[in-house]
C-alpha atoms as a PDB file:
ATOM      1  CA  UNK A   1     -21.295  28.543 -41.673  1.00  0.00           C
ATOM      2  CA  UNK A   2     -19.849  27.752 -45.253  1.00  0.00           C
ATOM      3  CA  UNK A   3     -22.276  27.978 -48.138  1.00  0.00           C
ATOM      4  CA  UNK A   4     -22.268  27.707 -51.853  1.00  0.00           C
ATOM      5  CA  UNK A   5     -23.067  31.224 -53.630  1.00  0.00           C
ATOM      6  CA  UNK A   6     -25.369  29.077 -56.171  1.00  0.00           C
ATOM      7  CA  UNK A   7     -27.907  28.146 -53.462  1.00  0.00           C
ATOM      8  CA  UNK A   8     -31.021  29.190 -55.022  1.00  0.00           C
ATOM      9  CA  UNK A   9     -34.514  29.953 -53.540  1.00  0.00           C
ATOM     10  CA  UNK A  10     -36.282  27.119 -55.119  1.00  0.00           C
ATOM     11  CA  UNK A  11     -37.009  23.952 -53.156  1.00  0.00           C
ATOM     12  CA  UNK A  12     -35.020  21.273 -55.117  1.00  0.00           C
ATOM     13  CA  UNK A  13     -37.385  18.617 -54.265  1.00  0.00           C
ATOM     14  CA  UNK A  14     -41.364  18.255 -54.262  1.00  0.00           C
ATOM     15  CA  UNK A  15     -43.747  18.177 -51.434  1.00  0.00           C
ATOM     16  CA  UNK A  16     -47.311  17.127 -51.669  1.00  0.00           C
ATOM     17  CA  UNK A  17     -49.420  20.069 -52.924  1.00  0.00           C
ATOM     18  CA  UNK A  18     -51.885  19.751 -50.041  1.00  0.00           C
ATOM     19  CA  UNK A  19     -53.069  21.091 -46.664  1.00  0.00           C
ATOM     20  CA  UNK A  20     -50.616  21.048 -44.094  1.00  0.00           C
ATOM     21  CA  UNK A  21     -47.623  21.082 -46.477  1.00  0.00           C
ATOM     22  CA  UNK A  22     -45.529  24.589 -47.264  1.00  0.00           C
ATOM     23  CA  UNK A  23     -41.962  25.745 -47.347  1.00  0.00           C
ATOM     24  CA  UNK A  24     -40.317  29.233 -47.441  1.00  0.00           C
ATOM     25  CA  UNK A  25     -36.667  30.226 -47.827  1.00  0.00           C
ATOM     26  CA  UNK A  26     -34.879  31.164 -44.715  1.00  0.00           C
ATOM     27  CA  UNK A  27     -32.408  34.055 -45.969  1.00  0.00           C
ATOM     28  CA  UNK A  28     -30.734  34.229 -42.580  1.00  0.00           C
ATOM     29  CA  UNK A  29     -29.577  30.669 -42.638  1.00  0.00           C
ATOM     30  CA  UNK A  30     -29.484  30.174 -46.441  1.00  0.00           C
ATOM     31  CA  UNK A  31     -31.842  27.291 -46.412  1.00  0.00           C
ATOM     32  CA  UNK A  32     -35.677  26.108 -46.386  1.00  0.00           C
ATOM     33  CA  UNK A  33     -38.123  25.874 -43.747  1.00  0.00           C
ATOM     34  CA  UNK A  34     -40.282  23.054 -44.526  1.00  0.00           C
ATOM     35  CA  UNK A  35     -43.764  22.532 -42.783  1.00  0.00           C
ATOM     36  CA  UNK A  36     -45.317  18.938 -42.941  1.00  0.00           C
ATOM     37  CA  UNK A  37     -48.471  17.623 -41.178  1.00  0.00           C
ATOM     38  CA  UNK A  38     -47.119  16.856 -37.493  1.00  0.00           C
ATOM     39  CA  UNK A  39     -43.407  18.086 -38.309  1.00  0.00           C
ATOM     40  CA  UNK A  40     -40.963  20.400 -39.623  1.00  0.00           C
ATOM     41  CA  UNK A  41     -37.643  20.401 -41.559  1.00  0.00           C
ATOM     42  CA  UNK A  42     -34.877  22.710 -42.265  1.00  0.00           C
ATOM     43  CA  UNK A  43     -33.002  21.879 -45.631  1.00  0.00           C
ATOM     44  CA  UNK A  44     -29.627  23.516 -46.747  1.00  0.00           C
ATOM     45  CA  UNK A  45     -28.587  21.898 -49.946  1.00  0.00           C
ATOM     46  CA  UNK A  46     -24.905  23.209 -49.666  1.00  0.00           C
ATOM     47  CA  UNK A  47     -24.441  23.894 -45.857  1.00  0.00           C
ATOM     48  CA  UNK A  48     -20.736  22.838 -45.889  1.00  0.00           C
ATOM     49  CA  UNK A  49     -18.743  23.924 -49.021  1.00  0.00           C
ATOM     50  CA  UNK A  50     -16.499  21.575 -51.316  1.00  0.00           C
ATOM     51  CA  UNK A  51     -13.425  22.099 -49.228  1.00  0.00           C
ATOM     52  CA  UNK A  52     -14.980  21.299 -45.795  1.00  0.00           C
ATOM     53  CA  UNK A  53     -16.846  18.531 -47.443  1.00  0.00           C
ATOM     54  CA  UNK A  54     -13.982  16.859 -49.169  1.00  0.00           C
ATOM     55  CA  UNK A  55     -11.788  17.457 -45.938  1.00  0.00           C
ATOM     56  CA  UNK A  56     -14.437  15.641 -43.814  1.00  0.00           C
ATOM     57  CA  UNK A  57     -14.558  12.560 -46.018  1.00  0.00           C
ATOM     58  CA  UNK A  58     -10.517  12.463 -45.781  1.00  0.00           C
ATOM     59  CA  UNK A  59     -10.639  12.881 -42.052  1.00  0.00           C
ATOM     60  CA  UNK A  60     -13.465   9.915 -41.739  1.00  0.00           C
ATOM     61  CA  UNK A  61     -11.083   7.654 -43.761  1.00  0.00           C
ATOM     62  CA  UNK A  62      -7.615   8.337 -42.541  1.00  0.00           C
ATOM     63  CA  UNK A  63      -5.768   4.897 -41.709  1.00  0.00           C
ATOM     64  CA  UNK A  64      -2.478   3.663 -41.309  1.00  0.00           C
ATOM     65  CA  UNK A  65      -3.277   0.943 -43.812  1.00  0.00           C
ATOM     66  CA  UNK A  66      -2.992   2.973 -46.974  1.00  0.00           C
ATOM     67  CA  UNK A  67      -6.800   2.628 -47.805  1.00  0.00           C
ATOM     68  CA  UNK A  68      -8.272   5.748 -49.406  1.00  0.00           C
ATOM     69  CA  UNK A  69     -11.568   6.964 -50.843  1.00  0.00           C
ATOM     70  CA  UNK A  70     -11.239   5.197 -54.106  1.00  0.00           C
ATOM     71  CA  UNK A  71     -10.719   1.740 -52.473  1.00  0.00           C
ATOM     72  CA  UNK A  72     -13.126  -0.921 -52.894  1.00  0.00           C
ATOM     73  CA  UNK A  73     -14.318  -1.160 -49.209  1.00  0.00           C
ATOM     74  CA  UNK A  74     -16.881  -3.672 -50.014  1.00  0.00           C
ATOM     75  CA  UNK A  75     -14.023  -6.144 -50.840  1.00  0.00           C
ATOM     76  CA  UNK A  76     -13.020  -6.120 -47.236  1.00  0.00           C
ATOM     77  CA  UNK A  77     -14.394  -9.043 -45.889  1.00  0.00           C
ATOM     78  CA  UNK A  78     -17.049  -9.059 -43.106  1.00  0.00           C
ATOM     79  CA  UNK A  79     -15.587  -8.918 -39.723  1.00  0.00           C
ATOM     80  CA  UNK A  80     -12.219  -7.350 -40.976  1.00  0.00           C
ATOM     81  CA  UNK A  81     -12.978  -3.875 -40.496  1.00  0.00           C
ATOM     82  CA  UNK A  82     -11.159  -3.957 -37.239  1.00  0.00           C
ATOM     83  CA  UNK A  83      -7.780  -4.796 -39.230  1.00  0.00           C
ATOM     84  CA  UNK A  84      -7.747  -1.244 -40.658  1.00  0.00           C
ATOM     85  CA  UNK A  85      -6.113   1.302 -38.187  1.00  0.00           C
ATOM     86  CA  UNK A  86      -8.384   4.456 -38.586  1.00  0.00           C
ATOM     87  CA  UNK A  87      -6.761   7.480 -37.127  1.00  0.00           C
ATOM     88  CA  UNK A  88      -9.772   9.678 -36.407  1.00  0.00           C
ATOM     89  CA  UNK A  89     -12.875   7.461 -36.207  1.00  0.00           C
ATOM     90  CA  UNK A  90     -13.444   3.909 -34.521  1.00  0.00           C
ATOM     91  CA  UNK A  91     -15.643   2.302 -37.181  1.00  0.00           C
ATOM     92  CA  UNK A  92     -17.558  -0.719 -36.551  1.00  0.00           C
ATOM     93  CA  UNK A  93     -19.499  -3.160 -38.449  1.00  0.00           C
ATOM     94  CA  UNK A  94     -22.127  -4.144 -35.945  1.00  0.00           C
ATOM     95  CA  UNK A  95     -24.143  -7.294 -36.124  1.00  0.00           C
ATOM     96  CA  UNK A  96     -27.697  -8.009 -35.355  1.00  0.00           C
ATOM     97  CA  UNK A  97     -29.858 -11.005 -34.431  1.00  0.00           C
ATOM     98  CA  UNK A  98     -32.404 -11.783 -37.413  1.00  0.00           C
ATOM     99  CA  UNK A  99     -34.414 -14.993 -37.307  1.00  0.00           C
ATOM    100  CA  UNK A 100     -32.111 -16.647 -35.018  1.00  0.00           C
ATOM    101  CA  UNK A 101     -28.906 -15.789 -36.896  1.00  0.00           C
ATOM    102  CA  UNK A 102     -26.450 -13.022 -36.535  1.00  0.00           C
ATOM    103  CA  UNK A 103     -26.202 -10.810 -39.663  1.00  0.00           C
ATOM    104  CA  UNK A 104     -23.952  -7.621 -40.435  1.00  0.00           C
ATOM    105  CA  UNK A 105     -25.411  -4.466 -41.019  1.00  0.00           C
ATOM    106  CA  UNK A 106     -25.446  -3.151 -44.471  1.00  0.00           C
ATOM    107  CA  UNK A 107     -23.355  -0.256 -43.447  1.00  0.00           C
ATOM    108  CA  UNK A 108     -20.535   0.861 -40.958  1.00  0.00           C
ATOM    109  CA  UNK A 109     -20.994   2.986 -37.815  1.00  0.00           C
ATOM    110  CA  UNK A 110     -19.691   4.759 -35.061  1.00  0.00           C
ATOM    111  CA  UNK A 111     -21.061   6.488 -32.042  1.00  0.00           C
ATOM    112  CA  UNK A 112     -19.537   9.730 -30.478  1.00  0.00           C
ATOM    113  CA  UNK A 113     -20.600  11.867 -27.607  1.00  0.00           C
ATOM    114  CA  UNK A 114     -20.548  12.811 -23.861  1.00  0.00           C
ATOM    115  CA  UNK A 115     -19.097  10.138 -21.822  1.00  0.00           C
ATOM    116  CA  UNK A 116     -22.309   9.628 -20.031  1.00  0.00           C
ATOM    117  CA  UNK A 117     -24.575   9.339 -22.981  1.00  0.00           C
ATOM    118  CA  UNK A 118     -24.860   5.765 -24.195  1.00  0.00           C
ATOM    119  CA  UNK A 119     -27.564   5.086 -26.760  1.00  0.00           C
ATOM    120  CA  UNK A 120     -29.691   1.914 -27.756  1.00  0.00           C
ATOM    121  CA  UNK A 121     -31.255   1.529 -31.064  1.00  0.00           C
ATOM    122  CA  UNK A 122     -32.238  -1.889 -32.908  1.00  0.00           C
ATOM    123  CA  UNK A 123     -31.252  -3.895 -30.000  1.00  0.00           C
ATOM    124  CA  UNK A 124     -27.517  -2.509 -29.812  1.00  0.00           C
ATOM    125  CA  UNK A 125     -26.486  -0.368 -26.887  1.00  0.00           C
ATOM    126  CA  UNK A 126     -23.495   1.904 -28.074  1.00  0.00           C
ATOM    127  CA  UNK A 127     -21.104   3.377 -25.437  1.00  0.00           C
ATOM    128  CA  UNK A 128     -19.941   6.755 -26.933  1.00  0.00           C
ATOM    129  CA  UNK A 129     -16.153   7.236 -28.161  1.00  0.00           C
ATOM    130  CA  UNK A 130     -15.194  10.887 -26.942  1.00  0.00           C
ATOM    131  CA  UNK A 131     -15.584  13.800 -29.213  1.00  0.00           C
ATOM    132  CA  UNK A 132     -12.608  14.881 -31.535  1.00  0.00           C
ATOM    133  CA  UNK A 133     -11.769  17.930 -33.214  1.00  0.00           C
ATOM    134  CA  UNK A 134     -13.076  17.169 -36.365  1.00  0.00           C
ATOM    135  CA  UNK A 135     -16.567  16.169 -35.120  1.00  0.00           C
ATOM    136  CA  UNK A 136     -16.799  19.026 -32.850  1.00  0.00           C
ATOM    137  CA  UNK A 137     -16.099  21.432 -35.514  1.00  0.00           C
ATOM    138  CA  UNK A 138     -19.216  20.029 -37.727  1.00  0.00           C
ATOM    139  CA  UNK A 139     -21.421  19.921 -34.561  1.00  0.00           C
ATOM    140  CA  UNK A 140     -20.463  23.513 -33.631  1.00  0.00           C
ATOM    141  CA  UNK A 141     -21.713  24.601 -37.187  1.00  0.00           C
ATOM    142  CA  UNK A 142     -24.885  22.756 -37.223  1.00  0.00           C
ATOM    143  CA  UNK A 143     -25.922  24.140 -33.805  1.00  0.00           C
ATOM    144  CA  UNK A 144     -25.726  27.566 -35.188  1.00  0.00           C
ATOM    145  CA  UNK A 145     -28.999  26.732 -36.989  1.00  0.00           C
ATOM    146  CA  UNK A 146     -30.868  25.255 -34.131  1.00  0.00           C
ATOM    147  CA  UNK A 147     -31.578  26.227 -30.568  1.00  0.00           C
ATOM    148  CA  UNK A 148     -29.969  23.190 -28.972  1.00  0.00           C
ATOM    149  CA  UNK A 149     -26.729  21.770 -27.883  1.00  0.00           C
ATOM    150  CA  UNK A 150     -26.147  18.358 -29.273  1.00  0.00           C
ATOM    151  CA  UNK A 151     -24.327  15.666 -27.108  1.00  0.00           C
ATOM    152  CA  UNK A 152     -23.872  12.712 -29.360  1.00  0.00           C
ATOM    153  CA  UNK A 153     -23.870  11.900 -32.906  1.00  0.00           C
ATOM    154  CA  UNK A 154     -24.400   8.552 -34.781  1.00  0.00           C
ATOM    155  CA  UNK A 155     -22.138   8.003 -37.816  1.00  0.00           C
ATOM    156  CA  UNK A 156     -23.024   5.943 -40.714  1.00  0.00           C
ATOM    157  CA  UNK A 157     -20.738   4.942 -43.529  1.00  0.00           C
ATOM    158  CA  UNK A 158     -22.549   3.616 -46.737  1.00  0.00           C
ATOM    159  CA  UNK A 159     -19.885   2.070 -48.965  1.00  0.00           C
ATOM    160  CA  UNK A 160     -21.816   2.325 -52.155  1.00  0.00           C
ATOM    161  CA  UNK A 161     -25.437   2.223 -53.188  1.00  0.00           C
ATOM    162  CA  UNK A 162     -25.884  -1.333 -52.019  1.00  0.00           C
ATOM    163  CA  UNK A 163     -25.600  -0.123 -48.327  1.00  0.00           C
ATOM    164  CA  UNK A 164     -28.836   0.978 -46.954  1.00  0.00           C
ATOM    165  CA  UNK A 165     -31.127   1.773 -43.687  1.00  0.00           C
ATOM    166  CA  UNK A 166     -34.653   0.498 -43.559  1.00  0.00           C
ATOM    167  CA  UNK A 167     -37.692   2.505 -42.286  1.00  0.00           C
ATOM    168  CA  UNK A 168     -37.483   3.583 -38.654  1.00  0.00           C
ATOM    169  CA  UNK A 169     -38.007   6.599 -36.513  1.00  0.00           C
ATOM    170  CA  UNK A 170     -35.530   8.211 -34.190  1.00  0.00           C
ATOM    171  CA  UNK A 171     -37.958   8.196 -31.339  1.00  0.00           C
ATOM    172  CA  UNK A 172     -36.209   6.266 -28.629  1.00  0.00           C
ATOM    173  CA  UNK A 173     -36.839   7.185 -25.151  1.00  0.00           C
ATOM    174  CA  UNK A 174     -33.434   8.489 -24.538  1.00  0.00           C
ATOM    175  CA  UNK A 175     -34.005  11.451 -27.041  1.00  0.00           C
ATOM    176  CA  UNK A 176     -37.365  12.530 -25.249  1.00  0.00           C
ATOM    177  CA  UNK A 177     -40.439  14.019 -26.771  1.00  0.00           C
ATOM    178  CA  UNK A 178     -40.082  15.927 -30.115  1.00  0.00           C
ATOM    179  CA  UNK A 179     -36.381  15.299 -30.666  1.00  0.00           C
ATOM    180  CA  UNK A 180     -34.368  17.595 -32.928  1.00  0.00           C
ATOM    181  CA  UNK A 181     -31.980  15.558 -35.303  1.00  0.00           C
ATOM    182  CA  UNK A 182     -29.411  17.401 -37.136  1.00  0.00           C
ATOM    183  CA  UNK A 183     -28.476  15.133 -40.407  1.00  0.00           C
ATOM    184  CA  UNK A 184     -25.437  15.930 -42.435  1.00  0.00           C
ATOM    185  CA  UNK A 185     -24.114  14.237 -45.480  1.00  0.00           C
ATOM    186  CA  UNK A 186     -20.557  14.037 -46.780  1.00  0.00           C
ATOM    187  CA  UNK A 187     -19.905  12.244 -50.207  1.00  0.00           C
ATOM    188  CA  UNK A 188     -22.139  10.529 -52.579  1.00  0.00           C
ATOM    189  CA  UNK A 189     -25.567  11.888 -53.156  1.00  0.00           C
ATOM    190  CA  UNK A 190     -28.282   9.618 -51.756  1.00  0.00           C
ATOM    191  CA  UNK A 191     -32.036   9.872 -51.524  1.00  0.00           C
ATOM    192  CA  UNK A 192     -33.515  10.209 -47.899  1.00  0.00           C
ATOM    193  CA  UNK A 193     -37.319   9.102 -47.913  1.00  0.00           C
ATOM    194  CA  UNK A 194     -39.783  10.164 -45.205  1.00  0.00           C
ATOM    195  CA  UNK A 195     -43.278   8.805 -44.977  1.00  0.00           C
ATOM    196  CA  UNK A 196     -46.423   9.288 -42.775  1.00  0.00           C
ATOM    197  CA  UNK A 197     -46.807   6.644 -40.178  1.00  0.00           C
ATOM    198  CA  UNK A 198     -50.492   6.510 -40.818  1.00  0.00           C
ATOM    199  CA  UNK A 199     -50.213   6.698 -44.710  1.00  0.00           C
ATOM    200  CA  UNK A 200     -47.309   5.181 -46.011  1.00  0.00           C
ATOM    201  CA  UNK A 201     -48.214   6.464 -49.453  1.00  0.00           C
ATOM    202  CA  UNK A 202     -47.690  10.068 -48.370  1.00  0.00           C
ATOM    203  CA  UNK A 203     -43.797  10.476 -48.869  1.00  0.00           C
ATOM    204  CA  UNK A 204     -41.160  13.054 -49.438  1.00  0.00           C
ATOM    205  CA  UNK A 205     -38.093  12.171 -51.408  1.00  0.00           C
ATOM    206  CA  UNK A 206     -35.136  14.362 -50.191  1.00  0.00           C
ATOM    207  CA  UNK A 207     -31.602  14.379 -51.951  1.00  0.00           C
ATOM    208  CA  UNK A 208     -28.826  14.636 -49.723  1.00  0.00           C
ATOM    209  CA  UNK A 209     -25.810  15.918 -51.408  1.00  0.00           C
ATOM    210  CA  UNK A 210     -22.313  16.345 -50.516  1.00  0.00           C
ATOM    211  CA  UNK A 211     -22.559  18.986 -47.611  1.00  0.00           C
ATOM    212  CA  UNK A 212     -26.432  19.015 -47.499  1.00  0.00           C
ATOM    213  CA  UNK A 213     -27.799  19.400 -43.931  1.00  0.00           C
ATOM    214  CA  UNK A 214     -31.312  18.480 -42.980  1.00  0.00           C
ATOM    215  CA  UNK A 215     -32.793  19.303 -39.597  1.00  0.00           C
ATOM    216  CA  UNK A 216     -35.685  17.278 -38.399  1.00  0.00           C
ATOM    217  CA  UNK A 217     -37.717  18.723 -35.470  1.00  0.00           C
ATOM    218  CA  UNK A 218     -41.267  19.125 -34.113  1.00  0.00           C
ATOM    219  CA  UNK A 219     -43.406  15.917 -33.908  1.00  0.00           C
ATOM    220  CA  UNK A 220     -41.897  14.565 -36.881  1.00  0.00           C
ATOM    221  CA  UNK A 221     -40.293  11.562 -35.365  1.00  0.00           C
ATOM    222  CA  UNK A 222     -43.675  10.557 -33.787  1.00  0.00           C
ATOM    223  CA  UNK A 223     -45.809  10.713 -36.823  1.00  0.00           C
ATOM    224  CA  UNK A 224     -43.076  10.046 -39.704  1.00  0.00           C
ATOM    225  CA  UNK A 225     -40.597   7.572 -40.264  1.00  0.00           C
ATOM    226  CA  UNK A 226     -37.491   7.627 -42.597  1.00  0.00           C
ATOM    227  CA  UNK A 227     -35.073   5.622 -44.861  1.00  0.00           C
ATOM    228  CA  UNK A 228     -32.241   5.655 -47.025  1.00  0.00           C
ATOM    229  CA  UNK A 229     -32.875   2.899 -49.751  1.00  0.00           C
ATOM    230  CA  UNK A 230     -30.577   0.941 -51.949  1.00  0.00           C
ATOM    231  CA  UNK A 231     -29.359   2.861 -55.155  1.00  0.00           C
ATOM    232  CA  UNK A 232     -27.596   0.324 -57.332  1.00  0.00           C
ATOM    233  CA  UNK A 233     -26.363   2.899 -59.736  1.00  0.00           C
ATOM    234  CA  UNK A 234     -24.487   4.779 -56.952  1.00  0.00           C
ATOM    235  CA  UNK A 235     -20.805   3.475 -56.748  1.00  0.00           C
ATOM    236  CA  UNK A 236     -19.203   5.955 -54.590  1.00  0.00           C
ATOM    237  CA  UNK A 237     -19.217   6.056 -50.474  1.00  0.00           C
ATOM    238  CA  UNK A 238     -21.164   8.263 -48.441  1.00  0.00           C
ATOM    239  CA  UNK A 239     -21.084   9.429 -44.772  1.00  0.00           C
ATOM    240  CA  UNK A 240     -24.087  10.521 -42.779  1.00  0.00           C
ATOM    241  CA  UNK A 241     -23.823  11.861 -39.185  1.00  0.00           C
ATOM    242  CA  UNK A 242     -27.082  12.471 -37.065  1.00  0.00           C
ATOM    243  CA  UNK A 243     -26.507  14.973 -34.349  1.00  0.00           C
ATOM    244  CA  UNK A 244     -28.733  14.166 -31.244  1.00  0.00           C
ATOM    245  CA  UNK A 245     -29.419  15.285 -27.697  1.00  0.00           C
ATOM    246  CA  UNK A 246     -29.685  12.315 -24.880  1.00  0.00           C
ATOM    247  CA  UNK A 247     -31.910  13.354 -22.278  1.00  0.00           C
ATOM    248  CA  UNK A 248     -30.948  10.622 -19.660  1.00  0.00           C
END
C-alpha cells in the first residue's frame, strides 16, 4: 500500500456531532474508521501516492488517437467516443430512456470483472470486460484493507465538474445484503455526499482527492444514498472506480 507521509490523524471533513457518529484513526491501515447510524466507512485520504495515481490516470487514458489528459474531452461529440482507440480501458458512453427519449449519461463508464459476473443498474445490464494488469493491481491493493475479494469494478470517468451522478444506492440484488464497496478516486478532487434515506437533511460531504480510498460497508447501502454532484468550478477530469462483489 502506498501512502503519503503527510496523512494526519485529524478527520479532514465534518461528521454530525450527535449520537451514532464517531471516528477513530486506524494506525495499521493509515486511515479513518468512521461509524454512522446503520453503516460504516473507511477513509484513507492518500491511499495511493502521487506516482501511482498519475500513472493510473495515464493508463486509463492511453489511446492511439493522440488524445491526452489535457484534451478537451467534452468537445468529443455524443456517440463519438468509440472513434478513440483506447489501449487499456473499453470506455462507453451509455444511454438511458428518460421520458420516452434516449439520453446520454453525464459521464463515461466501463465494467470489468470475472467473466460470469454481469451487473444491472439504472436499467443497464453490463457484461464485464476481462481484468487487466492495471486494474488487478489497484484491486489487490484495496483488498488489503478489507476481508473480501472483489470480483468486479464499475469505472466512471467524469470529464469535468459538469459530469455527475445523481442520488442512488449500491443495493442491487446482485450485491447481496450489506455489500462492501471499495471506491478509489484518481484525478480531480470531487465531493462525494451521503445522506440518510429517512432524513435527507442528514448529510456528510466527503472530499475524494487524487488517490483517496473510501470503503463503504455494513448496512450503509440499505439506509444511506450517495451522489457526486456537479461542481462547475472543477475543470479537470476524474476517474472513480467502485469495486464490488457480485454474489450470483
